[in-house]
Amino acid sequence: MIFGSDHRDKTEHPGPFAQFEAPPPPDYANPKAWAAYPGRNPIGHWPERIPVLPVSPEQQPQPIPVQTFFIHPTTFRGLGVGWNAAWDDTAIAAITDEWPLRHQASVFRSVGRVTAPRYRQAHLRTFFLRGADSQAALELAYSDIRRAFLHFLQSIDDKTGIIIAGHSQGSHHGWRILQEFFDGSGLQPRLVAAYLPGYPIPGDSLHAIPFADREAHVGAAHGWMTFAESFVPEFHPTHMQNTRMIHPILWTPEEGQWNHWDAHRGIITRNFKLRHKGALSGALHEGMLWIKPLRVLGAGMFAMKNWHVADYNLFWDNIRLNLEKQVELYRFATSRVDELGGKS
């Protein structure tokens, strides 16, 4: 299980990147190269205590369809292993399917189909050991994501709205997809939104794409990184001084605003059930999302300082509602442009 691994693997340097033979690349014409793919292996997870979708987005026709390209976070770690995972490693795939596909990507089912590639992800250490080897591992991983995104583009209609989503390493690659394919390009009008929590995206790295500053900010990038109140991670001075974050309950970038407990819609638990409505209050502080101790029976057992692994779980239903409003506004704006003959 990924959560019980030996944390020494974050700082172990197994040797130069060049001494390890890269695993064979995935062929995205192969159905097995996808963790989720509409029509073949769609995401079917939906938590208890949230109304069942009246008609699955997999089958529901929509006048302006929206599809999500989801990039899963790091699920490859361990001592004595190389820099990149084999995309078809069955043990890693099982972790990917059980946690990020189920607990994170599932929320995007509420607004349309979800496509998620398997890829030669970089090892967890690449985010703790900065340098040429880590960068090379991330470049190899991104080369797969880039090819998968091109395949995704070819598989959808040229009027389909696109959500780019991910977490952690997936958010890093999603940010690069925004830079390469959307920022200031002809594809940008099709960007419904980007949800990229768990990674410090530099505030000056996107030029035409805005960072979200309100609820249902169409075409904007959304990010947050969750920590216990007053905790400051060691990487904050070097990697979080120029980040742009939004509060995933209040949907504002203003710092120091704590949401009322009642505004929190609950937590998706490890067994994938919605529980603990009104259990969380948080506020942005210097690029971090600080949260107060959870109002949950036995909360002392969850006295975490870094809530990275739960960036989606803590706010799942708040994200769902924001997504639905976001897509509704996108469809309205897009239909208005079409009515005016392409003029905004």
Protein backbone atom coordinates (compact mmCIF):
# COMPACT_ATOMS: atom_id res chain seq x y z
CA MET A 1 0.00 0.00 0.00
CA ILE A 2 1.40 3.39 -0.95
CA PHE A 3 0.60 5.00 2.41
CA GLY A 4 2.64 2.45 4.35
CA SER A 5 5.81 2.66 2.29
CA ASP A 6 9.25 3.38 3.73
CA HIS A 7 9.63 7.17 3.64
CA ARG A 8 13.38 6.87 3.11
CA ASP A 9 12.55 6.42 -0.57
CA LYS A 10 11.94 10.18 -0.79
CA THR A 11 15.64 10.90 -0.41
CA GLU A 12 17.33 7.76 -1.75
CA HIS A 13 19.36 8.45 -4.90
CA PRO A 14 19.60 5.14 -6.78
CA GLY A 15 22.15 6.38 -9.30
CA PRO A 16 22.11 8.57 -12.42
CA PHE A 17 19.00 8.58 -14.58
CA ALA A 18 21.09 7.55 -17.60
CA GLN A 19 22.16 4.26 -16.01
CA PHE A 20 18.56 3.00 -15.95
CA GLU A 21 16.96 1.73 -19.14
CA ALA A 22 13.67 3.51 -19.71
CA PRO A 23 10.59 1.26 -19.65
CA PRO A 24 8.93 0.82 -23.06
CA PRO A 25 6.48 3.63 -23.84
CA PRO A 26 2.72 3.02 -23.80
CA ASP A 27 0.92 2.70 -27.11
CA TYR A 28 -2.25 4.74 -26.69
CA ALA A 29 -3.95 2.76 -29.43
CA ASN A 30 -3.89 -0.08 -26.88
CA PRO A 31 -6.91 0.03 -24.52
CA LYS A 32 -4.71 -1.23 -21.69
CA ALA A 33 -2.72 2.03 -21.84
CA TRP A 34 -5.69 3.88 -20.33
CA ALA A 35 -6.75 3.84 -16.70
CA ALA A 36 -10.10 5.26 -17.82
CA TYR A 37 -11.52 5.63 -21.30
CA PRO A 38 -15.10 6.48 -22.31
CA GLY A 39 -17.05 3.57 -23.72
CA ARG A 40 -14.40 0.97 -22.88
CA ASN A 41 -13.49 1.28 -19.21
CA PRO A 42 -15.32 4.35 -17.91
CA ILE A 43 -15.01 5.47 -14.30
CA GLY A 44 -18.05 4.10 -12.50
CA HIS A 45 -17.28 5.18 -8.94
CA TRP A 46 -19.81 7.40 -7.18
CA PRO A 47 -19.84 7.90 -3.40
CA GLU A 48 -22.70 7.12 -1.07
CA ARG A 49 -24.84 9.94 0.31
CA ILE A 50 -24.58 11.96 -2.88
CA PRO A 51 -27.60 11.71 -5.19
CA VAL A 52 -27.00 9.15 -7.92
CA LEU A 53 -26.54 10.73 -11.31
CA PRO A 54 -29.96 10.61 -12.99
CA VAL A 55 -28.37 9.55 -16.27
CA SER A 56 -24.74 8.61 -16.51
CA PRO A 57 -22.70 11.24 -18.38
CA GLU A 58 -21.33 8.27 -20.29
CA GLN A 59 -24.70 8.00 -22.06
CA GLN A 60 -26.26 11.42 -21.59
CA PRO A 61 -26.36 13.50 -24.80
CA GLN A 62 -25.51 17.15 -24.19
CA PRO A 63 -25.73 20.11 -26.58
CA ILE A 64 -22.19 21.19 -25.74
CA PRO A 65 -20.31 18.15 -24.44
CA VAL A 66 -17.51 18.45 -21.89
CA GLN A 67 -14.78 15.88 -21.32
CA THR A 68 -12.07 15.69 -18.69
CA PHE A 69 -8.46 14.70 -19.31
CA PHE A 70 -7.30 13.51 -15.88
CA ILE A 71 -3.64 12.89 -14.98
CA HIS A 72 -3.19 10.80 -11.87
CA PRO A 73 -0.65 11.64 -9.16
CA THR A 74 2.45 9.68 -8.17
CA THR A 75 1.71 6.10 -7.24
CA PHE A 76 5.26 4.84 -7.80
CA ARG A 77 7.64 4.73 -4.86
CA GLY A 78 9.96 2.35 -3.06
CA LEU A 79 13.64 1.76 -2.30
CA GLY A 80 16.13 0.42 -4.81
CA VAL A 81 14.07 1.12 -7.92
CA GLY A 82 14.67 3.33 -10.97
CA TRP A 83 13.40 6.77 -11.90
CA ASN A 84 10.31 5.89 -13.92
CA ALA A 85 7.63 3.25 -13.54
CA ALA A 86 6.58 0.83 -16.23
CA TRP A 87 3.18 2.03 -17.41
CA ASP A 88 1.79 -1.51 -17.23
CA ASP A 89 3.06 -2.44 -13.75
CA THR A 90 0.02 -4.21 -12.28
CA ALA A 91 0.75 -3.36 -8.63
CA ILE A 92 1.12 0.35 -9.41
CA ALA A 93 -2.00 0.28 -11.58
CA ALA A 94 -3.99 -1.25 -8.71
CA ILE A 95 -2.99 1.62 -6.40
CA THR A 96 -3.80 4.15 -9.12
CA ASP A 97 -7.24 2.67 -9.69
CA GLU A 98 -8.06 2.34 -6.00
CA TRP A 99 -7.08 5.84 -4.88
CA PRO A 100 -6.78 8.67 -7.46
CA LEU A 101 -9.16 7.21 -10.05
CA ARG A 102 -11.76 6.43 -7.41
CA HIS A 103 -11.28 9.30 -4.95
CA GLN A 104 -10.26 12.10 -7.31
CA ALA A 105 -11.16 11.55 -10.96
CA SER A 106 -14.66 10.36 -10.03
CA VAL A 107 -15.79 13.90 -9.23
CA PHE A 108 -15.46 14.86 -12.89
CA ARG A 109 -18.06 12.23 -13.81
CA SER A 110 -20.65 14.75 -12.66
CA VAL A 111 -20.10 16.90 -15.76
CA GLY A 112 -19.08 14.48 -18.51
CA ARG A 113 -16.78 11.71 -19.61
CA VAL A 114 -13.35 11.17 -18.08
CA THR A 115 -10.21 9.99 -19.88
CA ALA A 116 -7.11 9.09 -17.84
CA PRO A 117 -3.88 7.69 -19.31
CA ARG A 118 -1.43 5.32 -17.72
CA TYR A 119 2.10 6.62 -18.13
CA ARG A 120 5.73 6.12 -17.17
CA GLN A 121 5.32 8.28 -14.10
CA ALA A 122 8.34 9.66 -12.29
CA HIS A 123 9.27 8.20 -8.91
CA LEU A 124 8.17 10.05 -5.77
CA ARG A 125 11.79 11.07 -5.08
CA THR A 126 11.81 13.43 -8.07
CA PHE A 127 9.86 15.94 -5.97
CA PHE A 128 12.34 15.77 -3.10
CA LEU A 129 15.66 15.41 -4.96
CA ARG A 130 15.93 18.40 -7.26
CA GLY A 131 18.41 18.17 -10.11
CA ALA A 132 19.06 16.85 -13.59
CA ASP A 133 18.08 13.25 -12.82
CA SER A 134 14.70 14.27 -11.40
CA GLN A 135 14.09 16.61 -14.31
CA ALA A 136 14.90 13.87 -16.81
CA ALA A 137 12.42 11.53 -15.10
CA LEU A 138 9.69 14.17 -15.26
CA GLU A 139 10.44 14.87 -18.92
CA LEU A 140 10.06 11.18 -19.75
CA ALA A 141 6.74 11.07 -17.90
CA TYR A 142 5.51 14.21 -19.67
CA SER A 143 6.40 12.78 -23.07
CA ASP A 144 3.78 10.09 -22.43
CA ILE A 145 1.19 12.58 -21.18
CA ARG A 146 1.74 14.74 -24.23
CA ARG A 147 1.15 11.81 -26.61
CA ALA A 148 -1.88 10.73 -24.61
CA PHE A 149 -3.35 14.23 -24.81
CA LEU A 150 -2.88 14.34 -28.58
CA HIS A 151 -4.70 11.00 -28.80
CA PHE A 152 -7.45 12.42 -26.56
CA LEU A 153 -7.83 15.48 -28.81
CA GLN A 154 -8.21 13.28 -31.86
CA SER A 155 -10.88 11.19 -30.12
CA ILE A 156 -13.27 14.06 -29.32
CA ASP A 157 -15.35 16.43 -31.40
CA ASP A 158 -13.72 19.77 -32.19
CA LYS A 159 -16.48 21.58 -30.29
CA THR A 160 -16.13 19.56 -27.09
CA GLY A 161 -15.21 21.57 -24.00
CA ILE A 162 -12.13 20.34 -22.16
CA ILE A 163 -11.29 20.13 -18.47
CA ILE A 164 -7.65 19.48 -17.59
CA ALA A 165 -7.39 17.91 -14.15
CA GLY A 166 -4.87 16.14 -12.00
CA HIS A 167 -3.17 16.04 -8.65
CA SER A 168 0.45 16.39 -7.52
CA GLN A 169 2.65 14.99 -10.31
CA GLY A 170 -0.48 14.92 -12.45
CA SER A 171 -0.97 18.64 -11.79
CA HIS A 172 2.63 19.29 -12.81
CA HIS A 173 2.03 17.59 -16.15
CA GLY A 174 -1.39 19.25 -16.49
CA TRP A 175 0.24 22.66 -16.02
CA ARG A 176 2.63 21.85 -18.87
CA ILE A 177 -0.30 20.79 -21.06
CA LEU A 178 -1.87 24.20 -20.38
CA GLN A 179 1.37 25.96 -21.33
CA GLU A 180 1.97 23.99 -24.51
CA PHE A 181 -1.52 23.52 -25.92
CA PHE A 182 -3.87 26.15 -24.46
CA ASP A 183 -2.12 29.30 -23.25
CA GLY A 184 -2.84 31.91 -25.91
CA SER A 185 -3.62 29.30 -28.57
CA GLY A 186 -6.67 28.56 -30.70
CA LEU A 187 -7.54 25.74 -28.28
CA GLN A 188 -7.88 28.04 -25.27
CA PRO A 189 -11.58 28.92 -25.88
CA ARG A 190 -12.39 25.23 -25.39
CA LEU A 191 -10.81 25.17 -21.92
CA VAL A 192 -13.69 24.89 -19.46
CA ALA A 193 -11.29 24.94 -16.51
CA ALA A 194 -8.17 23.35 -15.09
CA TYR A 195 -8.21 21.76 -11.62
CA LEU A 196 -4.59 21.21 -10.58
CA PRO A 197 -4.27 20.96 -6.79
CA GLY A 198 -1.29 19.58 -4.91
CA TYR A 199 1.40 21.34 -6.94
CA PRO A 200 2.82 24.89 -6.62
CA ILE A 201 2.15 26.35 -10.06
CA PRO A 202 4.15 29.57 -10.53
CA GLY A 203 1.89 32.59 -10.77
CA ASP A 204 3.77 34.06 -13.73
CA SER A 205 3.89 30.83 -15.78
CA LEU A 206 0.57 31.30 -17.60
CA HIS A 207 0.03 34.39 -19.72
CA ALA A 208 -3.40 34.24 -21.37
CA ILE A 209 -4.99 31.72 -18.99
CA PRO A 210 -6.12 33.37 -15.75
CA PHE A 211 -5.85 31.89 -12.29
CA ALA A 212 -9.29 31.41 -10.76
CA ASP A 213 -10.47 34.30 -8.61
CA ARG A 214 -14.17 33.46 -8.16
CA GLU A 215 -16.69 30.65 -8.21
CA ALA A 216 -17.26 29.21 -11.67
CA HIS A 217 -14.39 31.11 -13.30
CA VAL A 218 -14.58 29.71 -16.82
CA GLY A 219 -11.26 29.03 -18.54
CA ALA A 220 -9.19 29.51 -15.37
CA ALA A 221 -6.66 27.40 -13.49
CA HIS A 222 -7.63 26.26 -9.98
CA GLY A 223 -5.08 25.08 -7.42
CA TRP A 224 -4.65 24.57 -3.68
CA MET A 225 -2.29 22.77 -1.30
CA THR A 226 -3.70 21.71 2.07
CA PHE A 227 -1.86 21.89 5.40
CA ALA A 228 -2.75 22.03 9.09
CA GLU A 229 -3.14 25.55 10.46
CA SER A 230 0.22 27.17 11.30
CA PHE A 231 2.25 24.43 9.60
CA VAL A 232 4.76 25.61 7.00
CA PRO A 233 6.42 22.91 4.85
CA GLU A 234 10.17 23.08 4.39
CA PHE A 235 9.80 23.70 0.65
CA HIS A 236 7.61 26.77 1.16
CA PRO A 237 10.42 29.39 0.93
CA THR A 238 11.78 27.97 -2.33
CA HIS A 239 8.69 26.70 -4.17
CA MET A 240 5.59 28.48 -2.87
CA GLN A 241 6.46 32.17 -2.89
CA ASN A 242 4.94 32.86 -6.29
CA THR A 243 1.95 30.53 -6.39
CA ARG A 244 -1.67 31.43 -7.12
CA MET A 245 -4.20 29.43 -5.13
CA ILE A 246 -7.95 29.41 -4.59
CA HIS A 247 -10.03 28.34 -1.59
CA PRO A 248 -11.96 25.19 -2.63
CA ILE A 249 -14.97 26.04 -0.46
CA LEU A 250 -15.20 29.83 -0.75
CA TRP A 251 -13.74 29.91 -4.28
CA THR A 252 -11.82 33.08 -3.62
CA PRO A 253 -8.06 33.79 -3.76
CA GLU A 254 -8.27 36.22 -0.83
CA GLU A 255 -6.04 35.26 2.07
CA GLY A 256 -7.17 35.06 5.67
CA GLN A 257 -10.84 34.29 4.94
CA TRP A 258 -12.00 31.26 6.92
CA ASN A 259 -15.04 29.50 5.57
CA HIS A 260 -17.96 28.97 7.92
CA TRP A 261 -18.13 25.35 8.99
CA ASP A 262 -21.60 24.98 7.49
CA ALA A 263 -20.22 25.74 4.01
CA HIS A 264 -18.19 22.53 4.06
CA ARG A 265 -20.15 19.72 2.37
CA GLY A 266 -18.29 16.78 3.84
CA ILE A 267 -15.29 14.48 3.40
CA ILE A 268 -14.95 11.46 1.15
CA THR A 269 -13.55 8.82 3.49
CA ARG A 270 -11.06 6.10 2.66
CA ASN A 271 -13.93 3.67 2.08
CA PHE A 272 -15.41 6.17 -0.41
CA LYS A 273 -18.38 7.44 1.55
CA LEU A 274 -19.39 11.06 2.10
CA ARG A 275 -19.22 11.83 5.81
CA HIS A 276 -18.54 14.67 8.27
CA LYS A 277 -20.44 17.56 6.73
CA GLY A 278 -19.42 20.84 8.36
CA ALA A 279 -16.19 19.33 9.71
CA LEU A 280 -13.69 21.67 8.08
CA SER A 281 -12.78 25.34 8.10
CA GLY A 282 -9.83 26.65 6.12
CA ALA A 283 -8.19 29.83 4.89
CA LEU A 284 -5.46 30.69 2.41
CA HIS A 285 -2.17 31.85 3.89
CA GLU A 286 0.90 32.73 1.82
CA GLY A 287 0.02 30.27 -0.93
CA MET A 288 -1.04 27.48 1.43
CA LEU A 289 -4.53 26.36 2.36
CA TRP A 290 -4.50 26.08 6.14
CA ILE A 291 -7.23 24.04 7.82
CA LYS A 292 -8.27 23.93 11.46
CA PRO A 293 -8.44 20.58 13.29
CA LEU A 294 -11.28 18.58 11.80
CA ARG A 295 -14.53 18.45 13.73
CA VAL A 296 -14.63 14.68 13.52
CA LEU A 297 -14.97 12.13 16.30
CA GLY A 298 -11.47 10.79 16.91
CA ALA A 299 -9.88 13.63 14.96
CA GLY A 300 -6.73 13.23 17.05
CA MET A 301 -6.02 10.10 15.04
CA PHE A 302 -5.85 12.28 11.92
CA ALA A 303 -3.52 14.96 13.28
CA MET A 304 -1.72 15.35 9.98
CA LYS A 305 0.35 18.40 9.17
CA ASN A 306 0.49 17.89 5.42
CA TRP A 307 -2.92 16.93 3.99
CA HIS A 308 -1.58 16.51 0.46
CA VAL A 309 -3.04 13.05 -0.06
CA ALA A 310 -6.55 14.38 0.74
CA ASP A 311 -6.56 17.54 -1.41
CA TYR A 312 -9.62 16.16 -3.22
CA ASN A 313 -11.23 14.05 -0.47
CA LEU A 314 -11.59 16.94 1.96
CA PHE A 315 -13.51 19.05 -0.56
CA TRP A 316 -14.96 16.48 -3.01
CA ASP A 317 -18.58 17.62 -2.88
CA ASN A 318 -17.66 21.32 -2.85
CA ILE A 319 -15.62 20.65 -5.99
CA ARG A 320 -18.55 18.78 -7.56
CA LEU A 321 -20.91 21.72 -7.10
CA ASN A 322 -18.32 24.16 -8.43
CA LEU A 323 -17.78 21.95 -11.47
CA GLU A 324 -21.47 21.83 -12.24
CA LYS A 325 -21.77 25.63 -12.03
CA GLN A 326 -18.61 26.01 -14.08
CA VAL A 327 -19.86 23.81 -16.90
CA GLU A 328 -23.29 25.43 -16.86
CA LEU A 329 -21.70 28.87 -17.27
CA TYR A 330 -19.33 27.58 -19.97
CA ARG A 331 -22.23 26.14 -21.95
CA PHE A 332 -24.19 29.36 -21.63
CA ALA A 333 -21.24 31.50 -22.75
CA THR A 334 -20.40 29.16 -25.61
CA SER A 335 -24.00 29.03 -26.85
CA ARG A 336 -24.16 32.82 -26.78
CA VAL A 337 -20.99 33.06 -28.87
CA ASP A 338 -22.47 30.58 -31.37
CA GLU A 339 -25.68 32.61 -31.56
CA LEU A 340 -23.66 35.72 -32.35
CA GLY A 341 -21.82 33.97 -35.14
CA GLY A 342 -18.59 33.41 -33.23
CA LYS A 343 -18.34 36.97 -31.91
CA SER A 344 -18.06 37.44 -28.18
